[in-house]
Structures are given as structure tokens and as C-alpha cells.
Amino acid sequence: MVNFNITRSSRRFRFNAAVGLISLALFAGYVFALTQIQHSTEKTYAELRASDPDLYLSKIRQAEGFRVYLRQFTELKGYGMPKREAPPFVIGRWVLYGEPKRVDDAYVPPNCLDDVVIQDGLVRFGRPKPAEYKVHYVIEGAQVLAQRDKGAPITIEPVGYGVHVNHIEITLPGAKPRYGYLCK
């Protein structure tokens, strides 16, 4: 009887050892495959960055989200230095509100009366008192600074959840932030 238990436990030990070794081999293969995929993806992105920066930025935005895209955009497009061209994600007519709204990316404001227009070299406010500023754009971190020829810069912070810009937070020097939603 003792011999039967020893044989049985040695079979169980061999079975468990075999399952453990197979599991370890499968896990090692899985890690190796993931590493190869990561290296391949990094190589593809590096080649794409050099050959087609716009497509690269689009892919980064889809894969990594808006924050990573913004860092890469700043570096690739040279927005660390002042430029007259506005970054494409802030160009347009934006309705301004005093408080942020809980809306999705498809939100369209009901009217576009209290607005700001951001375009190349210019930021124009419609209400409460109309104003127009000639500017150069610089991106610092997560903010777009619209540097005026005279005076402190206008701060524009695009707020993106995931891939898209949901709204902007715009601040005139000495004023409270206002929240802009794109008129479409």
C-alpha cells in the first residue's frame, strides 16, 4: 500500500512539474512575442515620424490620446518657438461659458453669440466687449500661449478626453478662465 502512494505521488509530482514547465514556456513565449511586437511598433513609428509626420501625429493621437499627441505635435511642428500659424486643434469659432459643461465631443452650442475666433495670427473676441489681438502662438506643456505684440499672453488650454479636444479653457490676462466649445 505504501508503494502505491509513493507511485501515485511521484506521478502527481511529474504531472505538476510538466504543467509548470509548459506554463513557464508559454509565458516566456508570450513575453517574447509582446517584446517583438513592441519593438516592431516602435520601429514603424520611428520610420513614420521621419517619412510622414502628419500621419505619425494622427496615429499617435489615436493610439496614445491627446496629451501625448500635443507633446509630439509641439516638437515636430516647432511650436516651442513663436509661430503666426495657430495650432489646428484651436482654430475656429468657440462659444464661451463661465463654467465647463459636461458634454461629449459631438456637442454643438445652441448659438454662437458670445464667441472667440482663433485663427492664424489673430484672436478676436465678440462679447462682452469686442477686441482683436494680433498674436504669435507657442505651446508650453499643455497650454497654447497666444503671445500678443503688446501685453501679457492669452492662455488657451485645450482639454481633450482621449483623442479629441472637448473644449478649450481660455484666459485673458487678469481675467477669470472661460470655457469655449467649438461652433460647427
N, C-alpha and C. Protein backbone atom coordinates (compact mmCIF):
# COMPACT_ATOMS: atom_id res chain seq x y z
N MET A 1 0.81 -1.18 0.00
CA MET A 1 0.00 0.00 0.00
C MET A 1 0.86 1.25 0.00
N VAL A 2 1.93 1.21 0.73
CA VAL A 2 2.83 2.35 0.79
C VAL A 2 3.44 2.58 -0.58
N ASN A 3 3.78 1.56 -1.24
CA ASN A 3 4.37 1.66 -2.58
C ASN A 3 3.39 2.33 -3.54
N PHE A 4 2.11 2.01 -3.44
CA PHE A 4 1.08 2.61 -4.29
C PHE A 4 1.01 4.13 -4.08
N ASN A 5 1.08 4.59 -2.82
CA ASN A 5 1.04 6.03 -2.52
C ASN A 5 2.26 6.75 -3.04
N ILE A 6 3.42 6.13 -2.94
CA ILE A 6 4.65 6.75 -3.45
C ILE A 6 4.57 6.85 -4.97
N THR A 7 4.11 5.84 -5.63
CA THR A 7 3.98 5.87 -7.09
C THR A 7 2.97 6.93 -7.51
N ARG A 8 1.89 6.96 -6.78
CA ARG A 8 0.84 7.93 -7.09
C ARG A 8 1.33 9.37 -6.89
N SER A 9 2.02 9.64 -5.79
CA SER A 9 2.51 11.00 -5.54
C SER A 9 3.64 11.36 -6.50
N SER A 10 4.45 10.41 -6.92
CA SER A 10 5.50 10.73 -7.89
C SER A 10 4.89 11.04 -9.25
N ARG A 11 3.80 10.35 -9.63
CA ARG A 11 3.09 10.68 -10.87
C ARG A 11 2.49 12.09 -10.80
N ARG A 12 1.88 12.36 -9.66
CA ARG A 12 1.28 13.69 -9.47
C ARG A 12 2.38 14.76 -9.53
N PHE A 13 3.53 14.51 -8.91
CA PHE A 13 4.64 15.46 -8.94
C PHE A 13 5.13 15.67 -10.37
N ARG A 14 5.30 14.59 -11.12
CA ARG A 14 5.75 14.71 -12.53
C ARG A 14 4.73 15.47 -13.36
N PHE A 15 3.45 15.17 -13.14
CA PHE A 15 2.39 15.88 -13.87
C PHE A 15 2.42 17.37 -13.55
N ASN A 16 2.49 17.71 -12.26
CA ASN A 16 2.54 19.12 -11.86
C ASN A 16 3.79 19.81 -12.39
N ALA A 17 4.93 19.11 -12.36
CA ALA A 17 6.16 19.68 -12.89
C ALA A 17 6.04 19.92 -14.40
N ALA A 18 5.43 18.99 -15.12
CA ALA A 18 5.25 19.15 -16.57
C ALA A 18 4.32 20.32 -16.87
N VAL A 19 3.22 20.42 -16.13
CA VAL A 19 2.29 21.53 -16.32
C VAL A 19 2.99 22.86 -16.00
N GLY A 20 3.78 22.88 -14.95
CA GLY A 20 4.53 24.08 -14.57
C GLY A 20 5.52 24.49 -15.64
N LEU A 21 6.26 23.52 -16.19
CA LEU A 21 7.24 23.82 -17.24
C LEU A 21 6.55 24.29 -18.52
N ILE A 22 5.45 23.66 -18.88
CA ILE A 22 4.71 24.09 -20.07
C ILE A 22 4.16 25.50 -19.87
N SER A 23 3.62 25.76 -18.68
CA SER A 23 3.11 27.11 -18.38
C SER A 23 4.22 28.14 -18.44
N LEU A 24 5.37 27.81 -17.89
CA LEU A 24 6.51 28.71 -17.91
C LEU A 24 6.97 28.97 -19.35
N ALA A 25 7.01 27.92 -20.16
CA ALA A 25 7.41 28.07 -21.57
C ALA A 25 6.40 28.93 -22.33
N LEU A 26 5.11 28.71 -22.09
CA LEU A 26 4.09 29.52 -22.76
C LEU A 26 4.18 30.98 -22.32
N PHE A 27 4.41 31.22 -21.03
CA PHE A 27 4.55 32.59 -20.54
C PHE A 27 5.77 33.26 -21.15
N ALA A 28 6.89 32.55 -21.22
CA ALA A 28 8.11 33.11 -21.83
C ALA A 28 7.87 33.42 -23.30
N GLY A 29 7.16 32.54 -24.01
CA GLY A 29 6.82 32.80 -25.41
C GLY A 29 5.93 34.02 -25.56
N TYR A 30 4.99 34.18 -24.65
CA TYR A 30 4.08 35.33 -24.67
C TYR A 30 4.85 36.63 -24.45
N VAL A 31 5.73 36.65 -23.46
CA VAL A 31 6.53 37.84 -23.19
C VAL A 31 7.43 38.14 -24.38
N PHE A 32 8.04 37.13 -24.97
CA PHE A 32 8.89 37.32 -26.14
C PHE A 32 8.08 37.92 -27.29
N ALA A 33 6.89 37.40 -27.54
CA ALA A 33 6.04 37.90 -28.62
C ALA A 33 5.65 39.36 -28.37
N LEU A 34 5.28 39.68 -27.14
CA LEU A 34 4.93 41.07 -26.82
C LEU A 34 6.12 42.01 -27.03
N THR A 35 7.30 41.57 -26.64
CA THR A 35 8.50 42.38 -26.82
C THR A 35 8.78 42.61 -28.30
N GLN A 36 8.63 41.57 -29.10
CA GLN A 36 8.85 41.71 -30.54
C GLN A 36 7.83 42.67 -31.16
N ILE A 37 6.58 42.56 -30.75
CA ILE A 37 5.54 43.45 -31.27
C ILE A 37 5.85 44.89 -30.88
N GLN A 38 6.28 45.10 -29.64
CA GLN A 38 6.61 46.45 -29.19
C GLN A 38 7.78 47.03 -29.99
N HIS A 39 8.82 46.25 -30.20
CA HIS A 39 9.96 46.72 -30.99
C HIS A 39 9.55 47.02 -32.42
N SER A 40 8.72 46.18 -32.98
CA SER A 40 8.23 46.40 -34.34
C SER A 40 7.40 47.68 -34.44
N THR A 41 6.54 47.90 -33.46
CA THR A 41 5.71 49.10 -33.44
C THR A 41 6.57 50.35 -33.28
N GLU A 42 7.55 50.31 -32.39
CA GLU A 42 8.44 51.45 -32.20
C GLU A 42 9.22 51.76 -33.47
N LYS A 43 9.67 50.72 -34.15
CA LYS A 43 10.41 50.92 -35.41
C LYS A 43 9.49 51.53 -36.47
N THR A 44 8.27 51.03 -36.56
CA THR A 44 7.31 51.57 -37.53
C THR A 44 7.01 53.03 -37.24
N TYR A 45 6.79 53.38 -35.96
CA TYR A 45 6.53 54.77 -35.60
C TYR A 45 7.73 55.66 -35.91
N ALA A 46 8.93 55.18 -35.63
CA ALA A 46 10.14 55.97 -35.91
C ALA A 46 10.27 56.24 -37.41
N GLU A 47 10.01 55.22 -38.24
CA GLU A 47 10.07 55.40 -39.69
C GLU A 47 8.97 56.35 -40.17
N LEU A 48 7.78 56.19 -39.62
CA LEU A 48 6.65 57.04 -39.99
C LEU A 48 6.89 58.49 -39.56
N ARG A 49 7.48 58.67 -38.40
CA ARG A 49 7.79 60.03 -37.92
C ARG A 49 8.71 60.76 -38.90
N ALA A 50 9.68 60.03 -39.45
CA ALA A 50 10.63 60.64 -40.38
C ALA A 50 10.02 60.84 -41.77
N SER A 51 9.23 59.87 -42.23
CA SER A 51 8.72 59.92 -43.61
C SER A 51 7.43 60.70 -43.77
N ASP A 52 6.52 60.63 -42.79
CA ASP A 52 5.21 61.30 -42.90
C ASP A 52 4.77 61.78 -41.52
N PRO A 53 5.29 62.95 -41.08
CA PRO A 53 4.99 63.44 -39.73
C PRO A 53 3.50 63.63 -39.45
N ASP A 54 2.71 64.04 -40.44
CA ASP A 54 1.28 64.25 -40.21
C ASP A 54 0.56 62.93 -39.92
N LEU A 55 0.88 61.90 -40.70
CA LEU A 55 0.29 60.58 -40.44
C LEU A 55 0.76 60.05 -39.09
N TYR A 56 2.04 60.27 -38.79
CA TYR A 56 2.58 59.85 -37.49
C TYR A 56 1.79 60.49 -36.35
N LEU A 57 1.56 61.81 -36.45
CA LEU A 57 0.81 62.51 -35.41
C LEU A 57 -0.62 61.98 -35.29
N SER A 58 -1.23 61.69 -36.42
CA SER A 58 -2.58 61.13 -36.41
C SER A 58 -2.61 59.78 -35.71
N LYS A 59 -1.65 58.93 -36.02
CA LYS A 59 -1.58 57.61 -35.39
C LYS A 59 -1.31 57.72 -33.89
N ILE A 60 -0.40 58.62 -33.51
CA ILE A 60 -0.10 58.82 -32.09
C ILE A 60 -1.33 59.31 -31.35
N ARG A 61 -2.07 60.23 -31.97
CA ARG A 61 -3.28 60.76 -31.34
C ARG A 61 -4.30 59.65 -31.11
N GLN A 62 -4.46 58.77 -32.09
CA GLN A 62 -5.42 57.67 -31.96
C GLN A 62 -4.95 56.64 -30.93
N ALA A 63 -3.67 56.35 -30.93
CA ALA A 63 -3.16 55.29 -30.05
C ALA A 63 -2.90 55.76 -28.62
N GLU A 64 -2.39 56.97 -28.47
CA GLU A 64 -1.93 57.42 -27.15
C GLU A 64 -2.80 58.51 -26.52
N GLY A 65 -3.67 59.16 -27.30
CA GLY A 65 -4.52 60.22 -26.75
C GLY A 65 -3.97 61.60 -27.01
N PHE A 66 -4.74 62.60 -26.62
CA PHE A 66 -4.43 63.98 -26.97
C PHE A 66 -3.18 64.53 -26.27
N ARG A 67 -2.95 64.18 -25.01
CA ARG A 67 -1.79 64.71 -24.28
C ARG A 67 -0.47 64.32 -24.93
N VAL A 68 -0.33 63.05 -25.27
CA VAL A 68 0.89 62.58 -25.93
C VAL A 68 1.01 63.23 -27.31
N TYR A 69 -0.11 63.31 -28.02
CA TYR A 69 -0.14 63.97 -29.33
C TYR A 69 0.35 65.41 -29.21
N LEU A 70 -0.10 66.13 -28.19
CA LEU A 70 0.27 67.53 -28.02
C LEU A 70 1.78 67.69 -27.84
N ARG A 71 2.38 66.82 -27.04
CA ARG A 71 3.84 66.87 -26.86
C ARG A 71 4.57 66.61 -28.17
N GLN A 72 4.12 65.59 -28.90
CA GLN A 72 4.76 65.26 -30.17
C GLN A 72 4.53 66.36 -31.21
N PHE A 73 3.32 66.91 -31.24
CA PHE A 73 2.99 67.99 -32.17
C PHE A 73 3.90 69.19 -31.93
N THR A 74 4.08 69.56 -30.66
CA THR A 74 4.93 70.70 -30.31
C THR A 74 6.34 70.50 -30.84
N GLU A 75 6.86 69.32 -30.64
CA GLU A 75 8.23 69.02 -31.07
C GLU A 75 8.35 68.97 -32.59
N LEU A 76 7.45 68.26 -33.24
CA LEU A 76 7.56 68.07 -34.69
C LEU A 76 7.25 69.33 -35.50
N LYS A 77 6.30 70.11 -35.04
CA LYS A 77 5.87 71.29 -35.80
C LYS A 77 6.57 72.57 -35.35
N GLY A 78 7.46 72.48 -34.37
CA GLY A 78 8.24 73.64 -33.97
C GLY A 78 7.50 74.69 -33.18
N TYR A 79 6.48 74.29 -32.43
CA TYR A 79 5.70 75.26 -31.66
C TYR A 79 6.35 75.60 -30.32
N GLY A 80 7.58 75.19 -30.11
CA GLY A 80 8.33 75.65 -28.95
C GLY A 80 8.78 77.09 -29.17
N MET A 81 8.79 77.51 -30.42
CA MET A 81 9.14 78.88 -30.81
C MET A 81 7.88 79.55 -31.35
N PRO A 82 7.78 80.89 -31.23
CA PRO A 82 6.58 81.59 -31.71
C PRO A 82 6.32 81.39 -33.20
N LYS A 83 5.03 81.15 -33.53
CA LYS A 83 4.60 80.99 -34.92
C LYS A 83 3.30 81.77 -35.12
N ARG A 84 3.14 82.32 -36.29
CA ARG A 84 1.90 83.02 -36.62
C ARG A 84 0.75 82.03 -36.83
N GLU A 85 1.06 80.84 -37.35
CA GLU A 85 0.03 79.84 -37.62
C GLU A 85 -0.49 79.28 -36.30
N ALA A 86 -1.80 79.26 -36.17
CA ALA A 86 -2.42 78.69 -34.97
C ALA A 86 -2.38 77.16 -35.07
N PRO A 87 -2.18 76.47 -33.96
CA PRO A 87 -2.27 75.01 -33.99
C PRO A 87 -3.67 74.62 -34.48
N PRO A 88 -3.78 73.62 -35.33
CA PRO A 88 -5.07 73.28 -35.95
C PRO A 88 -6.17 72.91 -34.96
N PHE A 89 -5.81 72.41 -33.80
CA PHE A 89 -6.83 71.97 -32.84
C PHE A 89 -7.45 73.12 -32.05
N VAL A 90 -6.96 74.36 -32.21
CA VAL A 90 -7.60 75.51 -31.55
C VAL A 90 -8.23 76.47 -32.56
N ILE A 91 -8.00 76.25 -33.84
CA ILE A 91 -8.56 77.13 -34.87
C ILE A 91 -10.07 76.98 -34.90
N GLY A 92 -10.76 78.10 -35.00
CA GLY A 92 -12.21 78.06 -35.15
C GLY A 92 -12.90 79.11 -34.31
N ARG A 93 -14.22 79.02 -34.32
CA ARG A 93 -15.08 79.91 -33.54
C ARG A 93 -15.60 79.12 -32.35
N TRP A 94 -15.38 79.66 -31.17
CA TRP A 94 -15.70 78.98 -29.93
C TRP A 94 -16.71 79.81 -29.14
N VAL A 95 -17.76 79.17 -28.64
CA VAL A 95 -18.72 79.81 -27.75
C VAL A 95 -18.14 79.74 -26.34
N LEU A 96 -18.20 80.87 -25.63
CA LEU A 96 -17.61 80.93 -24.30
C LEU A 96 -18.67 80.84 -23.21
N TYR A 97 -18.34 80.07 -22.17
CA TYR A 97 -19.20 79.92 -20.99
C TYR A 97 -18.36 80.18 -19.75
N GLY A 98 -19.02 80.58 -18.67
CA GLY A 98 -18.33 80.84 -17.41
C GLY A 98 -17.94 79.58 -16.66
N GLU A 99 -18.62 78.48 -16.93
CA GLU A 99 -18.36 77.20 -16.27
C GLU A 99 -18.22 76.11 -17.33
N PRO A 100 -17.40 75.10 -17.06
CA PRO A 100 -17.31 74.00 -18.02
C PRO A 100 -18.61 73.19 -18.06
N LYS A 101 -18.91 72.63 -19.22
CA LYS A 101 -20.12 71.81 -19.39
C LYS A 101 -19.72 70.34 -19.45
N ARG A 102 -20.60 69.50 -19.00
CA ARG A 102 -20.38 68.06 -19.09
C ARG A 102 -21.05 67.57 -20.37
N VAL A 103 -20.30 67.64 -21.45
CA VAL A 103 -20.83 67.26 -22.76
C VAL A 103 -19.82 66.40 -23.48
N ASP A 104 -20.28 65.68 -24.50
CA ASP A 104 -19.36 64.86 -25.27
C ASP A 104 -18.76 65.67 -26.42
N ASP A 105 -17.89 65.02 -27.19
CA ASP A 105 -17.19 65.70 -28.28
C ASP A 105 -18.12 66.15 -29.40
N ALA A 106 -19.30 65.59 -29.49
CA ALA A 106 -20.23 65.94 -30.57
C ALA A 106 -21.11 67.15 -30.20
N TYR A 107 -20.91 67.73 -29.04
CA TYR A 107 -21.73 68.85 -28.59
C TYR A 107 -21.60 70.04 -29.54
N VAL A 108 -22.73 70.60 -29.92
CA VAL A 108 -22.78 71.80 -30.74
C VAL A 108 -23.53 72.86 -29.93
N PRO A 109 -22.89 74.01 -29.63
CA PRO A 109 -23.57 75.04 -28.86
C PRO A 109 -24.83 75.52 -29.58
N PRO A 110 -25.88 75.87 -28.82
CA PRO A 110 -27.14 76.29 -29.44
C PRO A 110 -27.02 77.61 -30.20
N ASN A 111 -26.15 78.50 -29.75
CA ASN A 111 -25.92 79.73 -30.51
C ASN A 111 -24.45 80.13 -30.37
N CYS A 112 -23.99 80.93 -31.28
CA CYS A 112 -22.58 81.32 -31.29
C CYS A 112 -22.45 82.83 -31.12
N LEU A 113 -23.15 83.39 -30.14
CA LEU A 113 -23.11 84.84 -29.96
C LEU A 113 -21.92 85.28 -29.11
N ASP A 114 -21.73 84.69 -27.96
CA ASP A 114 -20.63 85.06 -27.07
C ASP A 114 -19.43 84.22 -27.47
N ASP A 115 -18.64 84.71 -28.39
CA ASP A 115 -17.64 83.86 -29.00
C ASP A 115 -16.24 84.45 -29.00
N VAL A 116 -15.31 83.57 -29.33
CA VAL A 116 -13.94 83.95 -29.62
C VAL A 116 -13.57 83.24 -30.91
N VAL A 117 -12.87 83.94 -31.79
CA VAL A 117 -12.40 83.35 -33.04
C VAL A 117 -10.89 83.28 -32.96
N ILE A 118 -10.38 82.07 -33.16
CA ILE A 118 -8.93 81.86 -33.16
C ILE A 118 -8.54 81.46 -34.57
N GLN A 119 -7.61 82.22 -35.13
CA GLN A 119 -7.13 81.93 -36.48
C GLN A 119 -5.66 82.28 -36.55
N ASP A 120 -5.05 82.07 -37.70
CA ASP A 120 -3.63 82.34 -37.85
C ASP A 120 -3.34 83.81 -37.55
N GLY A 121 -2.49 84.05 -36.55
CA GLY A 121 -2.04 85.39 -36.22
C GLY A 121 -3.05 86.29 -35.56
N LEU A 122 -4.21 85.77 -35.17
CA LEU A 122 -5.26 86.64 -34.65
C LEU A 122 -6.17 85.90 -33.66
N VAL A 123 -6.51 86.59 -32.57
CA VAL A 123 -7.54 86.12 -31.65
C VAL A 123 -8.52 87.28 -31.52
N ARG A 124 -9.81 86.98 -31.82
CA ARG A 124 -10.83 88.02 -31.82
C ARG A 124 -11.96 87.61 -30.88
N PHE A 125 -12.29 88.50 -29.95
CA PHE A 125 -13.40 88.29 -29.02
C PHE A 125 -14.60 89.08 -29.50
N GLY A 126 -15.80 88.47 -29.44
CA GLY A 126 -17.02 89.15 -29.88
C GLY A 126 -17.74 89.86 -28.76
N ARG A 127 -17.87 89.24 -27.61
CA ARG A 127 -18.59 89.82 -26.48
C ARG A 127 -17.84 89.53 -25.20
N PRO A 128 -18.05 90.16 -24.13
CA PRO A 128 -18.94 91.29 -23.87
C PRO A 128 -18.45 92.58 -24.51
N LYS A 129 -17.12 92.75 -24.64
CA LYS A 129 -16.68 93.91 -25.41
C LYS A 129 -15.73 93.40 -26.50
N PRO A 130 -16.03 93.73 -27.75
CA PRO A 130 -15.23 93.25 -28.86
C PRO A 130 -13.76 93.67 -28.74
N ALA A 131 -12.88 92.73 -29.06
CA ALA A 131 -11.44 93.01 -29.03
C ALA A 131 -10.76 92.10 -30.04
N GLU A 132 -9.67 92.60 -30.58
CA GLU A 132 -8.92 91.82 -31.57
C GLU A 132 -7.44 91.96 -31.23
N TYR A 133 -6.75 90.82 -31.19
CA TYR A 133 -5.34 90.82 -30.83
C TYR A 133 -4.53 90.09 -31.90
N LYS A 134 -3.47 90.73 -32.34
CA LYS A 134 -2.51 90.06 -33.23
C LYS A 134 -1.57 89.27 -32.33
N VAL A 135 -1.37 88.01 -32.68
CA VAL A 135 -0.63 87.11 -31.79
C VAL A 135 0.33 86.20 -32.55
N HIS A 136 1.25 85.65 -31.78
CA HIS A 136 2.10 84.52 -32.18
C HIS A 136 1.77 83.39 -31.21
N TYR A 137 1.78 82.16 -31.69
CA TYR A 137 1.42 81.02 -30.84
C TYR A 137 2.66 80.23 -30.44
N VAL A 138 2.69 79.86 -29.17
CA VAL A 138 3.74 79.00 -28.62
C VAL A 138 3.04 77.96 -27.75
N ILE A 139 3.50 76.72 -27.79
CA ILE A 139 2.93 75.69 -26.92
C ILE A 139 3.93 75.42 -25.80
N GLU A 140 3.46 75.56 -24.58
CA GLU A 140 4.27 75.25 -23.40
C GLU A 140 3.51 74.23 -22.57
N GLY A 141 4.01 73.03 -22.52
CA GLY A 141 3.33 71.96 -21.79
C GLY A 141 1.98 71.67 -22.42
N ALA A 142 0.92 71.84 -21.65
CA ALA A 142 -0.44 71.56 -22.15
C ALA A 142 -1.16 72.84 -22.56
N GLN A 143 -0.44 73.98 -22.59
CA GLN A 143 -1.08 75.25 -22.90
C GLN A 143 -0.56 75.84 -24.21
N VAL A 144 -1.45 76.49 -24.92
CA VAL A 144 -1.09 77.28 -26.09
C VAL A 144 -1.11 78.73 -25.63
N LEU A 145 0.02 79.38 -25.75
CA LEU A 145 0.10 80.79 -25.38
C LEU A 145 -0.02 81.62 -26.65
N ALA A 146 -1.02 82.49 -26.68
CA ALA A 146 -1.18 83.43 -27.79
C ALA A 146 -0.49 84.71 -27.33
N GLN A 147 0.77 84.87 -27.75
CA GLN A 147 1.56 86.00 -27.30
C GLN A 147 1.20 87.23 -28.12
N ARG A 148 0.72 88.24 -27.40
CA ARG A 148 0.34 89.48 -28.05
C ARG A 148 1.58 90.34 -28.28
N ASP A 149 1.49 91.23 -29.28
CA ASP A 149 2.61 92.14 -29.54
C ASP A 149 2.85 93.05 -28.35
N LYS A 150 1.77 93.46 -27.69
CA LYS A 150 1.88 94.30 -26.50
C LYS A 150 1.02 93.67 -25.41
N GLY A 151 1.61 93.41 -24.28
CA GLY A 151 0.84 92.85 -23.18
C GLY A 151 1.13 91.39 -22.93
N ALA A 152 0.55 90.91 -21.85
CA ALA A 152 0.73 89.51 -21.45
C ALA A 152 -0.01 88.58 -22.41
N PRO A 153 0.41 87.33 -22.49
CA PRO A 153 -0.22 86.40 -23.43
C PRO A 153 -1.62 85.97 -23.00
N ILE A 154 -2.38 85.54 -23.99
CA ILE A 154 -3.68 84.91 -23.76
C ILE A 154 -3.39 83.42 -23.63
N THR A 155 -3.89 82.81 -22.57
CA THR A 155 -3.64 81.39 -22.35
C THR A 155 -4.81 80.58 -22.88
N ILE A 156 -4.50 79.61 -23.73
CA ILE A 156 -5.52 78.71 -24.29
C ILE A 156 -5.09 77.29 -23.91
N GLU A 157 -5.94 76.62 -23.16
CA GLU A 157 -5.62 75.23 -22.80
C GLU A 157 -6.64 74.30 -23.42
N PRO A 158 -6.23 73.54 -24.44
CA PRO A 158 -7.16 72.56 -24.99
C PRO A 158 -7.36 71.41 -24.02
N VAL A 159 -8.60 71.05 -23.79
CA VAL A 159 -8.92 69.96 -22.88
C VAL A 159 -9.44 68.81 -23.72
N GLY A 160 -8.64 67.76 -23.80
CA GLY A 160 -9.02 66.61 -24.60
C GLY A 160 -9.18 65.38 -23.74
N TYR A 161 -10.29 64.71 -23.92
CA TYR A 161 -10.52 63.43 -23.23
C TYR A 161 -10.33 62.36 -24.28
N GLY A 162 -9.22 61.67 -24.20
CA GLY A 162 -8.94 60.67 -25.21
C GLY A 162 -8.33 61.32 -26.44
N VAL A 163 -8.99 61.19 -27.57
CA VAL A 163 -8.43 61.59 -28.86
C VAL A 163 -8.78 63.03 -29.24
N HIS A 164 -9.96 63.49 -28.89
CA HIS A 164 -10.46 64.77 -29.37
C HIS A 164 -10.36 65.88 -28.33
N VAL A 165 -10.36 67.12 -28.83
CA VAL A 165 -10.45 68.28 -27.95
C VAL A 165 -11.92 68.46 -27.61
N ASN A 166 -12.25 68.38 -26.34
CA ASN A 166 -13.63 68.54 -25.91
C ASN A 166 -13.99 70.02 -25.83
N HIS A 167 -13.10 70.81 -25.25
CA HIS A 167 -13.30 72.25 -25.15
C HIS A 167 -11.95 72.92 -24.90
N ILE A 168 -11.95 74.24 -24.89
CA ILE A 168 -10.74 74.98 -24.53
C ILE A 168 -11.03 75.80 -23.28
N GLU A 169 -9.99 76.05 -22.53
CA GLU A 169 -10.07 76.95 -21.38
C GLU A 169 -9.21 78.16 -21.77
N ILE A 170 -9.83 79.30 -21.93
CA ILE A 170 -9.13 80.48 -22.41
C ILE A 170 -9.14 81.55 -21.33
N THR A 171 -7.97 82.17 -21.12
CA THR A 171 -7.83 83.16 -20.07
C THR A 171 -7.11 84.39 -20.60
N LEU A 172 -7.79 85.52 -20.53
CA LEU A 172 -7.14 86.80 -20.81
C LEU A 172 -6.37 87.21 -19.57
N PRO A 173 -5.27 87.94 -19.72
CA PRO A 173 -4.52 88.38 -18.54
C PRO A 173 -5.42 89.14 -17.56
N GLY A 174 -5.37 88.75 -16.30
CA GLY A 174 -6.14 89.40 -15.26
C GLY A 174 -7.61 89.02 -15.21
N ALA A 175 -8.05 88.13 -16.07
CA ALA A 175 -9.46 87.73 -16.10
C ALA A 175 -9.60 86.28 -15.63
N LYS A 176 -10.84 85.91 -15.33
CA LYS A 176 -11.13 84.53 -14.96
C LYS A 176 -11.16 83.66 -16.21
N PRO A 177 -10.83 82.39 -16.07
CA PRO A 177 -10.91 81.49 -17.23
C PRO A 177 -12.34 81.37 -17.74
N ARG A 178 -12.46 81.22 -19.05
CA ARG A 178 -13.74 80.95 -19.69
C ARG A 178 -13.57 79.67 -20.48
N TYR A 179 -14.68 79.00 -20.74
CA TYR A 179 -14.64 77.68 -21.37
C TYR A 179 -15.30 77.75 -22.73
N GLY A 180 -14.52 77.39 -23.75
CA GLY A 180 -15.02 77.51 -25.12
C GLY A 180 -15.36 76.17 -25.74
N TYR A 181 -16.52 76.16 -26.44
CA TYR A 181 -16.99 74.97 -27.16
C TYR A 181 -17.12 75.34 -28.62
N LEU A 182 -16.58 74.50 -29.48
CA LEU A 182 -16.47 74.79 -30.91
C LEU A 182 -17.82 74.87 -31.61
N CYS A 183 -18.01 75.96 -32.35
CA CYS A 183 -19.18 76.09 -33.22
C CYS A 183 -18.90 75.28 -34.48
N LYS A 184 -19.82 74.44 -34.87
CA LYS A 184 -19.58 73.60 -36.04
C LYS A 184 -20.54 73.92 -37.14
